[in-house]
Each structure stands twice: as C-alpha cells, then as structure tokens.
Amino acid sequence: MGGFAFIGAGAVVIDDVPDYALMVGNPAKIKVWMCQCGIQLHFNEDKATCEACGSKYQNTGSKVREVGVFSVHEAASEIVA
C-alpha cells in the first residue's frame, strides 16, 4: 500500500495501491488523488496545490508525487491576490 493512500470501506484491493490514491469499489480502483492531510486534490494540467495545507503535487499519469510546500512569501501573495 502506497504512502498516504486511502482505502474506502468495503473496497477489495487486488493490486498495488499508489501513493496518495483513494481506492474504492470491488475490485478497488483509483477514485481520486488525496493530499497527505486528507483533502482531495484538484489538478490543473498535471499540478495541484492542497487547499488546506499548501502542499504541492505533480501527476505523472499513473502516479502522484509531492513536489513541495508553499513558502510563507508565496502563501501571503496568494491571500492578497
């Protein structure tokens, strides 16, 4: 099971589970991608920023990886904008 992956109640997992995936169903399939803090990620092209904690992610097709967190300066400029 991948890091920070989520498995829905009643899901039957028969394959590897990638990092940050929310798996549901029988057999389990990827429903959405999740931040490590538990918030659903919304990708624009291949990039997403968590609305709650500011972690940044990149989607490479079948995998998602964390690529960083907003700096204090970036977070402040987002709030002002």
Protein backbone atom coordinates (compact mmCIF):
# COMPACT_ATOMS: atom_id res chain seq x y z
CA MET A 1 0.00 0.00 0.00
CA GLY A 2 1.36 3.38 -1.01
CA GLY A 3 2.22 6.18 1.35
CA PHE A 4 -0.71 8.39 2.37
CA ALA A 5 -3.12 6.17 0.40
CA PHE A 6 -6.76 5.86 1.45
CA ILE A 7 -8.95 2.75 1.12
CA GLY A 8 -12.74 3.12 1.12
CA ALA A 9 -14.86 0.94 3.41
CA GLY A 10 -15.69 -2.36 1.73
CA ALA A 11 -13.10 -1.91 -1.04
CA VAL A 12 -11.49 -5.12 -2.27
CA VAL A 13 -7.85 -4.34 -3.07
CA ILE A 14 -6.29 -6.83 -5.51
CA ASP A 15 -3.47 -4.69 -6.98
CA ASP A 16 -0.77 -2.35 -5.74
CA VAL A 17 -2.05 0.94 -4.32
CA PRO A 18 -0.10 4.03 -5.42
CA ASP A 19 0.87 6.88 -3.08
CA TYR A 20 -1.92 9.43 -2.41
CA ALA A 21 -4.65 7.32 -4.12
CA LEU A 22 -8.19 6.96 -2.78
CA MET A 23 -9.25 3.43 -3.72
CA VAL A 24 -12.92 2.33 -3.76
CA GLY A 25 -15.02 -0.48 -5.18
CA ASN A 26 -14.83 -4.20 -5.89
CA PRO A 27 -12.28 -4.55 -7.30
CA ALA A 28 -10.76 -1.34 -5.90
CA LYS A 29 -9.88 1.37 -8.42
CA ILE A 30 -8.45 4.87 -8.02
CA LYS A 31 -11.33 7.28 -7.44
CA VAL A 32 -9.35 10.49 -6.78
CA TRP A 33 -5.96 11.65 -5.55
CA MET A 34 -5.61 12.90 -1.97
CA CYS A 35 -3.21 15.16 -0.08
CA GLN A 36 -1.40 13.61 2.85
CA CYS A 37 -3.56 15.80 5.11
CA GLY A 38 -6.76 14.13 3.80
CA ILE A 39 -8.07 16.74 1.37
CA GLN A 40 -8.96 15.81 -2.24
CA LEU A 41 -6.52 17.23 -4.79
CA HIS A 42 -7.82 19.10 -7.84
CA PHE A 43 -5.31 19.01 -10.69
CA ASN A 44 -4.88 21.77 -13.26
CA GLU A 45 -2.93 20.15 -16.09
CA ASP A 46 -0.52 17.98 -14.05
CA LYS A 47 -0.16 20.15 -10.93
CA ALA A 48 -2.20 20.59 -7.76
CA THR A 49 -1.89 22.55 -4.53
CA CYS A 50 -3.73 21.39 -1.43
CA GLU A 51 -6.36 23.94 -0.41
CA ALA A 52 -5.80 23.16 3.28
CA CYS A 53 -2.06 22.78 3.90
CA GLY A 54 -0.44 24.21 0.75
CA SER A 55 1.46 21.05 -0.25
CA LYS A 56 2.18 20.89 -3.98
CA TYR A 57 1.81 17.76 -6.10
CA GLN A 58 2.57 16.61 -9.63
CA ASN A 59 0.59 13.97 -11.51
CA THR A 60 2.71 11.87 -13.86
CA GLY A 61 -0.16 9.80 -15.25
CA SER A 62 -0.43 6.74 -13.02
CA LYS A 63 1.42 8.29 -10.06
CA VAL A 64 1.28 11.43 -7.95
CA ARG A 65 4.26 12.83 -6.07
CA GLU A 66 4.70 15.68 -3.63
CA VAL A 67 6.92 18.43 -5.00
CA GLY A 68 6.94 20.91 -2.13
CA VAL A 69 5.03 23.28 0.09
CA PHE A 70 4.19 26.95 -0.36
CA SER A 71 6.76 29.24 1.19
CA VAL A 72 5.49 31.89 3.61
CA HIS A 73 6.01 34.53 0.88
CA GLU A 74 4.02 32.54 -1.71
CA ALA A 75 1.20 31.88 0.75
CA ALA A 76 0.97 35.58 1.65
CA SER A 77 0.86 36.62 -2.01
CA GLU A 78 -1.96 34.09 -2.66
CA ILE A 79 -4.02 35.57 0.19
CA VAL A 80 -3.53 39.14 -1.09
CA ALA A 81 -4.43 38.20 -4.67
